[in-house]
Amino acid sequence: MNIKTYMETVGVAALESSRVIARATTETKNKALASIAEHLNDERQNLLSANRVDMAKGLANGLDCALLDRLELNDERIDAMIEGLHQVAALPDPVGEMTDLGVRPSGIRLAKMRTPIGVIGIIYESRPNVTIDAASLCLKSGNATILRGGSEAIHSNQAIADCIRKGLDDAGLPPSVVQVINTPDREAVAELITMTDYVDVIIPRGGKGLIKRLITDAQVPMIKHLDGNCHLYIDDHADLKKAVDIAINSKTHRYGVCNAMESLLIAQSVAKKILPELSALYAEKQVELRGCEKARAIVSTINKASEEDWGDEFLAPILAIKIVDGIDEAIDHINHYSSKHTESIVTENDENSRRFLTEIDSSSVMLNVSTRFADGFEYGLGAEIGISTDKIHTRGPVGLEGLTCQKWVVYGDGQIRQ
């Protein structure tokens, strides 16, 4: 079977199963989620063995540290996947929710009903935990999903897919509710993003190159973010102890994630007090610092930043540092260079915090907290399907509600239009 025929078969099966999962009860969906969690736990050693194959191939093929970090499975990450499934099961089911009830002068009664989107295609690289995150959220929100992970994670993803199939079967749901593409052929992606007869929306998760290509070639609508150039601004009125803790955590907690800080802005009035301490702490963690001339005048070991550094998502132990005059320059810099993902300010000044939260044009804006909290799990969404920097349909971490839409429901008692 060629790729085009295979993908059409997948699309037909997804469309048919989308009608089954759309009418499934909350109890049925939660049973499937709980059963998938059980199978993940039971098959833990098989998952780790499959992942070791992928990791070995990744090392042999020269994958960089950020991709290898995303690719790796361990007991802690499997536990997190299991916990994510239980969290999603515990969340309220959005399907069927009625809002905006009203009565018109004609006597008709109106409401909006929350419904599944239908069939969701998800394309992602490296991170096998995305297979579970995506499957759980799509399942609970009543959507069928087609998952296409990266070729570097194919053994891990197929092992996880087997657990998903078993869980769906336990709940009496068709296996085509969640389909994991079983070929590494890139033509599968090219087909998926043009399958407008079967797929309602595409959600890509991966590197900037992948997202740009999909934006260019996709015919199916997309929910996306291009990259994560996240900023932290240490204000004139910052609590410097908080600022140090937040700045270190935002950058070094994990490097290969989209909510890691990539650019640090420091108000001129506090730069000499805090930058030497931060520089020493980053040096202990082997973080390369690239700064403006003002930053380099304070700490001579900081390398010179290029213009490209202000806009880069490094996904590595590299940090761009700029000294700014104050809140106005910080806001202007962030809105110019940001990828619209996540930005945080450290300040005890109410007016500066209000301005930052209001004027920064990003999907998450934060006060006195690490950028690493920009995450569906931390926001109480359970697992997340991704983070959207778009402004239409959904923005920020995409959980259950972001995977649904609304339709008008009209009740009458024989009314006719006059």
Protein backbone atom coordinates (compact mmCIF):
# COMPACT_ATOMS: atom_id res chain seq x y z
CA MET A 1 0.00 0.00 0.00
CA ASN A 2 1.47 3.37 -1.00
CA ILE A 3 1.54 6.33 1.38
CA LYS A 4 -1.36 8.17 -0.24
CA THR A 5 -3.63 5.11 -0.02
CA TYR A 6 -2.50 4.36 3.53
CA MET A 7 -3.20 7.91 4.71
CA GLU A 8 -6.60 7.96 3.03
CA THR A 9 -7.45 4.73 4.84
CA VAL A 10 -6.38 6.36 8.11
CA GLY A 11 -8.45 9.45 7.30
CA VAL A 12 -11.61 7.48 6.52
CA ALA A 13 -11.25 5.47 9.74
CA ALA A 14 -10.70 8.64 11.77
CA LEU A 15 -13.76 10.34 10.30
CA GLU A 16 -15.95 7.32 11.06
CA SER A 17 -14.62 6.96 14.61
CA SER A 18 -15.02 10.70 15.26
CA ARG A 19 -18.79 10.16 15.25
CA VAL A 20 -18.44 7.35 17.79
CA ILE A 21 -16.23 9.27 20.20
CA ALA A 22 -18.31 12.44 19.83
CA ARG A 23 -21.34 10.66 21.32
CA ALA A 24 -19.41 8.62 23.89
CA THR A 25 -20.35 9.25 27.51
CA THR A 26 -17.98 10.82 30.00
CA GLU A 27 -17.90 7.50 31.85
CA THR A 28 -16.77 5.65 28.74
CA LYS A 29 -14.05 8.18 27.94
CA ASN A 30 -12.77 8.15 31.51
CA LYS A 31 -12.72 4.35 31.52
CA ALA A 32 -10.53 4.40 28.43
CA LEU A 33 -8.15 6.92 30.01
CA ALA A 34 -7.84 4.89 33.21
CA SER A 35 -7.24 1.71 31.26
CA ILE A 36 -4.55 3.33 29.11
CA ALA A 37 -2.83 4.43 32.34
CA GLU A 38 -2.92 0.85 33.64
CA HIS A 39 -1.44 -0.51 30.44
CA LEU A 40 1.35 2.10 30.48
CA ASN A 41 2.27 1.00 33.98
CA ASP A 42 2.05 -2.69 33.11
CA GLU A 43 4.13 -2.22 29.95
CA ARG A 44 6.68 0.09 31.57
CA GLN A 45 9.68 -2.13 30.80
CA ASN A 46 8.60 -2.53 27.17
CA LEU A 47 8.29 1.25 26.86
CA LEU A 48 11.76 1.79 28.31
CA SER A 49 13.25 -0.91 26.06
CA ALA A 50 11.68 0.63 22.95
CA ASN A 51 12.93 4.05 24.00
CA ARG A 52 16.46 2.74 24.47
CA VAL A 53 16.42 1.65 20.81
CA ASP A 54 15.36 5.16 19.76
CA MET A 55 17.95 6.81 22.03
CA ALA A 56 20.74 4.62 20.66
CA LYS A 57 19.78 5.46 17.09
CA GLY A 58 19.49 9.13 18.00
CA LEU A 59 23.00 9.17 19.42
CA ALA A 60 24.33 7.34 16.37
CA ASN A 61 22.60 9.81 14.06
CA GLY A 62 24.03 12.81 15.90
CA LEU A 63 20.86 14.25 17.44
CA ASP A 64 21.69 17.31 19.54
CA CYS A 65 21.32 17.43 23.30
CA ALA A 66 17.97 19.24 23.20
CA LEU A 67 16.39 16.61 20.94
CA LEU A 68 17.85 13.75 22.95
CA ASP A 69 16.44 15.29 26.12
CA ARG A 70 12.99 15.45 24.52
CA LEU A 71 13.30 11.91 23.20
CA GLU A 72 14.25 10.22 26.45
CA LEU A 73 11.75 8.23 28.51
CA ASN A 74 12.45 7.23 32.10
CA ASP A 75 10.37 6.11 35.06
CA GLU A 76 9.71 9.68 36.12
CA ARG A 77 8.40 10.66 32.70
CA ILE A 78 6.25 7.54 32.42
CA ASP A 79 4.83 8.34 35.86
CA ALA A 80 4.10 11.87 34.60
CA MET A 81 2.24 10.45 31.58
CA ILE A 82 0.18 8.22 33.86
CA GLU A 83 -0.56 11.14 36.19
CA GLY A 84 -1.55 13.25 33.18
CA LEU A 85 -4.08 10.61 32.11
CA HIS A 86 -5.62 10.55 35.59
CA GLN A 87 -5.72 14.36 35.66
CA VAL A 88 -7.50 14.52 32.32
CA ALA A 89 -9.99 11.88 33.49
CA ALA A 90 -10.69 14.00 36.57
CA LEU A 91 -11.35 17.17 34.55
CA PRO A 92 -14.92 18.23 33.76
CA ASP A 93 -16.07 17.03 30.36
CA PRO A 94 -16.63 20.13 28.21
CA VAL A 95 -18.71 18.33 25.57
CA GLY A 96 -22.37 19.27 25.74
CA GLU A 97 -21.83 22.29 28.01
CA MET A 98 -24.51 24.93 27.38
CA THR A 99 -23.74 28.63 27.76
CA ASP A 100 -25.16 32.04 26.78
CA LEU A 101 -28.75 31.00 27.30
CA GLY A 102 -31.27 33.65 26.28
CA VAL A 103 -34.79 34.32 24.99
CA ARG A 104 -35.50 36.46 21.94
CA PRO A 105 -38.63 38.61 21.42
CA SER A 106 -39.89 35.97 18.99
CA GLY A 107 -40.02 33.50 21.86
CA ILE A 108 -37.19 31.31 20.58
CA ARG A 109 -34.66 30.24 23.22
CA LEU A 110 -30.96 30.27 22.34
CA ALA A 111 -27.86 28.66 23.75
CA LYS A 112 -24.34 27.70 22.70
CA MET A 113 -23.38 24.02 22.98
CA ARG A 114 -19.74 22.98 23.26
CA THR A 115 -18.90 20.22 20.78
CA PRO A 116 -15.80 18.31 19.60
CA ILE A 117 -13.89 19.72 16.65
CA GLY A 118 -13.95 16.32 14.89
CA VAL A 119 -10.67 14.89 13.61
CA ILE A 120 -7.41 16.42 14.83
CA GLY A 121 -4.06 15.70 13.20
CA ILE A 122 -1.03 16.20 15.44
CA ILE A 123 2.53 16.31 14.09
CA TYR A 124 5.41 16.36 16.54
CA GLU A 125 9.10 15.61 16.93
CA SER A 126 11.06 13.59 19.46
CA ARG A 127 8.91 13.75 22.58
CA PRO A 128 7.06 10.42 22.96
CA ASN A 129 5.09 11.76 25.95
CA VAL A 130 3.23 13.94 23.44
CA THR A 131 1.61 10.75 22.14
CA ILE A 132 -0.15 10.31 25.50
CA ASP A 133 -0.82 14.01 26.04
CA ALA A 134 -2.45 14.32 22.64
CA ALA A 135 -4.39 11.07 22.82
CA SER A 136 -5.80 11.80 26.29
CA LEU A 137 -6.95 15.34 25.55
CA CYS A 138 -8.44 14.47 22.16
CA LEU A 139 -10.21 11.45 23.63
CA LYS A 140 -11.70 13.36 26.60
CA SER A 141 -12.81 16.24 24.36
CA GLY A 142 -14.58 13.80 22.04
CA ASN A 143 -12.24 14.04 19.06
CA ALA A 144 -10.63 11.38 16.92
CA THR A 145 -6.95 11.99 16.38
CA ILE A 146 -4.21 11.04 13.94
CA LEU A 147 -0.75 11.24 15.52
CA ARG A 148 2.43 11.47 13.52
CA GLY A 149 5.53 11.49 15.71
CA GLY A 150 9.09 11.94 14.52
CA SER A 151 10.97 9.07 12.95
CA GLU A 152 13.52 9.29 15.78
CA ALA A 153 10.82 8.19 18.30
CA ILE A 154 9.03 5.58 16.20
CA HIS A 155 9.73 2.59 18.49
CA SER A 156 8.69 4.52 21.60
CA ASN A 157 5.54 5.83 19.93
CA GLN A 158 4.48 2.42 18.65
CA ALA A 159 4.93 0.92 22.13
CA ILE A 160 2.75 3.68 23.57
CA ALA A 161 0.23 3.25 20.75
CA ASP A 162 -0.18 -0.39 21.71
CA CYS A 163 -1.15 0.66 25.25
CA ILE A 164 -3.64 3.17 23.83
CA ARG A 165 -5.26 0.56 21.60
CA LYS A 166 -5.67 -1.81 24.54
CA GLY A 167 -7.22 0.94 26.66
CA LEU A 168 -9.69 1.90 23.93
CA ASP A 169 -10.68 -1.72 23.49
CA ASP A 170 -11.26 -2.11 27.24
CA ALA A 171 -13.75 0.77 27.05
CA GLY A 172 -15.51 -0.58 23.97
CA LEU A 173 -14.19 2.17 21.67
CA PRO A 174 -12.78 1.58 18.17
CA PRO A 175 -8.98 1.65 17.87
CA SER A 176 -9.24 4.27 15.14
CA VAL A 177 -10.25 6.88 17.75
CA VAL A 178 -6.49 7.30 18.22
CA GLN A 179 -4.25 6.32 15.31
CA VAL A 180 -0.47 6.59 15.45
CA ILE A 181 1.06 6.66 11.98
CA ASN A 182 3.31 3.61 11.64
CA THR A 183 5.66 4.87 8.93
CA PRO A 184 8.57 7.32 9.21
CA ASP A 185 8.04 8.35 5.58
CA ARG A 186 7.75 12.15 5.39
CA GLU A 187 5.14 11.80 2.65
CA ALA A 188 2.72 10.82 5.41
CA VAL A 189 3.00 14.35 6.80
CA ALA A 190 2.57 15.87 3.35
CA GLU A 191 -0.66 13.90 2.93
CA LEU A 192 -1.98 14.57 6.43
CA ILE A 193 -1.77 18.37 6.16
CA THR A 194 -3.77 18.37 2.92
CA MET A 195 -6.54 15.90 3.93
CA THR A 196 -9.30 18.49 4.13
CA ASP A 197 -12.00 15.85 3.54
CA TYR A 198 -11.07 14.03 6.74
CA VAL A 199 -9.09 16.30 9.08
CA ASP A 200 -10.51 19.44 10.72
CA VAL A 201 -7.37 20.94 12.25
CA ILE A 202 -3.63 20.27 12.44
CA ILE A 203 -1.60 20.92 15.60
CA PRO A 204 2.17 20.82 14.98
CA ARG A 205 4.73 20.53 17.78
CA GLY A 206 8.36 20.65 16.79
CA GLY A 207 11.26 22.74 15.62
CA LYS A 208 10.99 26.03 13.79
CA GLY A 209 11.91 24.42 10.46
CA LEU A 210 9.08 21.90 10.71
CA ILE A 211 6.49 24.53 11.67
CA LYS A 212 7.54 26.89 8.86
CA ARG A 213 7.26 24.12 6.29
CA LEU A 214 3.85 23.11 7.54
CA ILE A 215 2.62 26.72 7.51
CA THR A 216 3.68 26.95 3.87
CA ASP A 217 2.23 23.62 2.71
CA ALA A 218 -0.80 22.96 4.91
CA GLN A 219 -4.32 23.16 3.50
CA VAL A 220 -5.93 22.10 6.78
CA PRO A 221 -6.25 24.92 9.40
CA MET A 222 -3.58 24.92 12.11
CA ILE A 223 -3.24 25.70 15.82
CA LYS A 224 0.46 26.43 16.36
CA HIS A 225 3.38 28.29 17.81
CA LEU A 226 6.56 28.84 15.82
CA ASP A 227 9.09 28.99 18.65
CA GLY A 228 9.55 29.96 22.28
CA ASN A 229 11.76 33.03 22.68
CA CYS A 230 10.67 33.70 26.27
CA HIS A 231 11.79 36.74 28.26
CA LEU A 232 12.26 37.61 31.91
CA TYR A 233 12.50 41.27 32.92
CA ILE A 234 14.02 42.21 36.29
CA ASP A 235 12.49 45.59 37.10
CA ASP A 236 13.86 48.57 39.04
CA HIS A 237 11.54 47.59 41.90
CA ALA A 238 12.31 43.85 41.93
CA ASP A 239 12.92 41.80 45.04
CA LEU A 240 16.43 40.71 44.05
CA LYS A 241 16.28 37.44 45.97
CA LYS A 242 13.14 36.47 44.05
CA ALA A 243 14.74 37.69 40.84
CA VAL A 244 17.82 35.47 41.22
CA ASP A 245 15.76 32.37 41.98
CA ILE A 246 13.35 33.00 39.10
CA ALA A 247 16.11 33.84 36.60
CA ILE A 248 18.07 30.69 37.40
CA ASN A 249 15.01 28.42 37.31
CA SER A 250 13.58 29.95 34.13
CA LYS A 251 16.80 29.19 32.24
CA THR A 252 18.34 26.09 33.80
CA HIS A 253 15.42 23.93 34.98
CA ARG A 254 15.35 22.41 31.48
CA TYR A 255 16.98 23.73 28.34
CA GLY A 256 15.21 21.92 25.51
CA VAL A 257 11.68 23.21 26.17
CA CYS A 258 9.69 26.04 24.65
CA ASN A 259 8.98 27.77 27.98
CA ALA A 260 12.64 28.15 29.00
CA MET A 261 13.85 31.74 29.24
CA GLU A 262 16.06 32.68 26.30
CA SER A 263 16.48 36.42 26.95
CA LEU A 264 17.01 38.20 30.27
CA LEU A 265 16.37 41.94 30.56
CA ILE A 266 17.63 43.83 33.62
CA ALA A 267 16.80 47.41 34.61
CA GLN A 268 19.88 49.66 34.59
CA SER A 269 19.36 50.71 38.23
CA VAL A 270 19.75 47.16 39.60
CA ALA A 271 22.06 45.62 37.01
CA LYS A 272 25.32 46.15 38.92
CA LYS A 273 23.77 44.62 42.04
CA ILE A 274 22.37 41.46 40.48
CA LEU A 275 24.23 40.66 37.26
CA PRO A 276 27.56 39.56 38.85
CA GLU A 277 25.71 37.12 41.13
CA LEU A 278 23.64 35.76 38.27
CA SER A 279 26.71 35.46 36.05
CA ALA A 280 28.51 33.37 38.68
CA LEU A 281 25.50 31.08 39.15
CA TYR A 282 25.09 30.60 35.40
CA ALA A 283 28.80 29.84 35.12
CA GLU A 284 28.39 27.05 37.67
CA LYS A 285 25.78 25.53 35.37
CA GLN A 286 27.93 26.15 32.27
CA VAL A 287 25.48 28.56 30.67
CA GLU A 288 27.02 30.73 27.96
CA LEU A 289 26.04 34.38 28.38
CA ARG A 290 25.74 36.73 25.40
CA GLY A 291 25.10 40.35 26.30
CA CYS A 292 24.86 43.95 25.22
CA GLU A 293 27.76 46.36 25.80
CA LYS A 294 26.29 47.55 29.11
CA ALA A 295 26.10 43.99 30.41
CA ARG A 296 29.66 43.26 29.26
CA ALA A 297 30.88 46.39 31.02
CA ILE A 298 29.58 44.95 34.29
CA VAL A 299 30.75 41.34 33.74
CA SER A 300 33.69 41.10 31.35
CA THR A 301 33.30 37.34 30.74
CA ILE A 302 29.96 37.83 28.97
CA ASN A 303 30.29 37.30 25.22
CA LYS A 304 29.05 39.90 22.76
CA ALA A 305 25.46 39.35 21.64
CA SER A 306 24.57 39.53 17.96
CA GLU A 307 21.35 40.98 16.59
CA GLU A 308 20.16 37.42 15.88
CA ASP A 309 20.62 36.44 19.55
CA TRP A 310 17.75 38.69 20.64
CA GLY A 311 15.29 36.70 18.55
CA ASP A 312 16.69 33.18 18.90
CA GLU A 313 15.17 30.21 20.69
CA PHE A 314 18.42 28.54 21.79
CA LEU A 315 17.01 25.37 23.40
CA ALA A 316 20.48 25.11 24.93
CA PRO A 317 22.56 26.50 27.84
CA ILE A 318 22.85 29.90 26.14
CA LEU A 319 21.26 33.12 27.40
CA ALA A 320 21.01 36.59 25.88
CA ILE A 321 21.22 39.46 28.41
CA LYS A 322 20.30 43.10 27.82
CA ILE A 323 20.43 46.04 30.21
CA VAL A 324 17.44 48.37 29.67
CA ASP A 325 16.60 51.83 31.01
CA GLY A 326 13.34 50.65 32.55
CA ILE A 327 9.84 49.31 31.92
CA ASP A 328 9.29 51.24 28.66
CA GLU A 329 12.38 49.86 26.95
CA ALA A 330 11.70 46.39 28.33
CA ILE A 331 8.18 46.32 26.88
CA ASP A 332 9.37 47.68 23.52
CA HIS A 333 12.20 45.14 23.30
CA ILE A 334 9.99 42.18 24.22
CA ASN A 335 7.18 43.10 21.83
CA HIS A 336 9.74 43.52 19.03
CA TYR A 337 11.73 40.31 19.50
CA SER A 338 9.33 37.98 21.30
CA SER A 339 7.77 34.92 19.67
CA LYS A 340 4.57 35.74 21.63
CA HIS A 341 4.96 32.70 23.88
CA THR A 342 5.68 33.62 27.53
CA GLU A 343 7.14 36.67 29.26
CA SER A 344 7.61 37.35 32.99
CA ILE A 345 8.41 40.41 35.09
CA VAL A 346 9.93 40.48 38.58
CA THR A 347 8.74 43.59 40.41
CA GLU A 348 7.06 44.79 43.58
CA ASN A 349 5.66 47.87 41.79
CA ASP A 350 1.92 47.65 41.07
CA GLU A 351 1.95 50.13 38.18
CA ASN A 352 4.87 48.44 36.40
CA SER A 353 3.32 44.99 36.85
CA ARG A 354 -0.02 46.27 35.52
CA ARG A 355 1.66 47.81 32.48
CA PHE A 356 3.70 44.69 31.75
CA LEU A 357 0.72 42.33 32.01
CA THR A 358 -1.43 44.65 29.90
CA GLU A 359 1.00 45.79 27.22
CA ILE A 360 3.01 42.64 26.50
CA ASP A 361 1.46 40.86 23.51
CA SER A 362 2.11 37.21 24.35
CA SER A 363 0.00 34.15 25.08
CA SER A 364 1.16 34.01 28.73
CA VAL A 365 2.32 36.99 30.80
CA MET A 366 3.58 36.46 34.33
CA LEU A 367 4.41 38.34 37.52
CA ASN A 368 7.12 37.14 39.93
CA VAL A 369 7.17 33.58 38.63
CA SER A 370 9.36 31.38 36.43
CA THR A 371 8.51 31.11 32.74
CA ARG A 372 8.68 27.33 33.21
CA PHE A 373 5.13 27.47 34.61
CA ALA A 374 3.75 28.15 31.10
CA ASP A 375 2.50 24.60 30.82
CA GLY A 376 -0.91 22.94 30.62
CA PHE A 377 -0.14 20.63 33.54
CA GLU A 378 0.83 23.59 35.75
CA TYR A 379 -2.25 25.54 34.60
CA GLY A 380 -4.51 22.71 35.74
CA LEU A 381 -5.42 21.59 32.23
CA GLY A 382 -4.04 18.09 32.81
CA ALA A 383 -1.78 17.34 29.88
CA GLU A 384 -1.53 19.94 27.13
CA ILE A 385 -1.68 19.42 23.42
CA GLY A 386 0.60 22.35 22.76
CA ILE A 387 0.88 26.10 23.20
CA SER A 388 -0.77 28.40 20.69
CA THR A 389 0.58 31.84 19.95
CA ASP A 390 -2.25 32.45 17.50
CA LYS A 391 -5.08 34.77 18.48
CA ILE A 392 -7.93 32.99 16.71
CA HIS A 393 -9.74 30.04 18.30
CA THR A 394 -7.37 29.43 21.23
CA ARG A 395 -4.27 31.02 22.77
CA GLY A 396 -1.70 29.76 25.27
CA PRO A 397 -1.62 26.16 26.55
CA VAL A 398 -4.27 24.17 24.68
CA GLY A 399 -6.31 21.89 26.91
CA LEU A 400 -9.76 20.37 26.63
CA GLU A 401 -11.70 23.55 25.90
CA GLY A 402 -9.23 24.52 23.16
CA LEU A 403 -10.05 21.24 21.40
CA THR A 404 -13.74 22.02 21.21
CA CYS A 405 -15.88 24.58 19.44
CA GLN A 406 -19.42 25.86 19.92
CA LYS A 407 -22.58 25.63 17.89
CA TRP A 408 -25.84 27.52 18.29
CA VAL A 409 -28.81 25.58 19.63
CA VAL A 410 -32.26 27.11 19.04
CA TYR A 411 -35.42 25.94 20.86
CA GLY A 412 -38.89 26.86 19.71
CA ASP A 413 -42.54 25.97 20.03
CA GLY A 414 -43.80 26.32 16.50
CA GLN A 415 -42.52 29.83 15.77
CA ILE A 416 -42.25 30.90 12.12
CA ARG A 417 -40.38 33.90 10.73
CA GLN A 418 -42.69 36.84 10.01
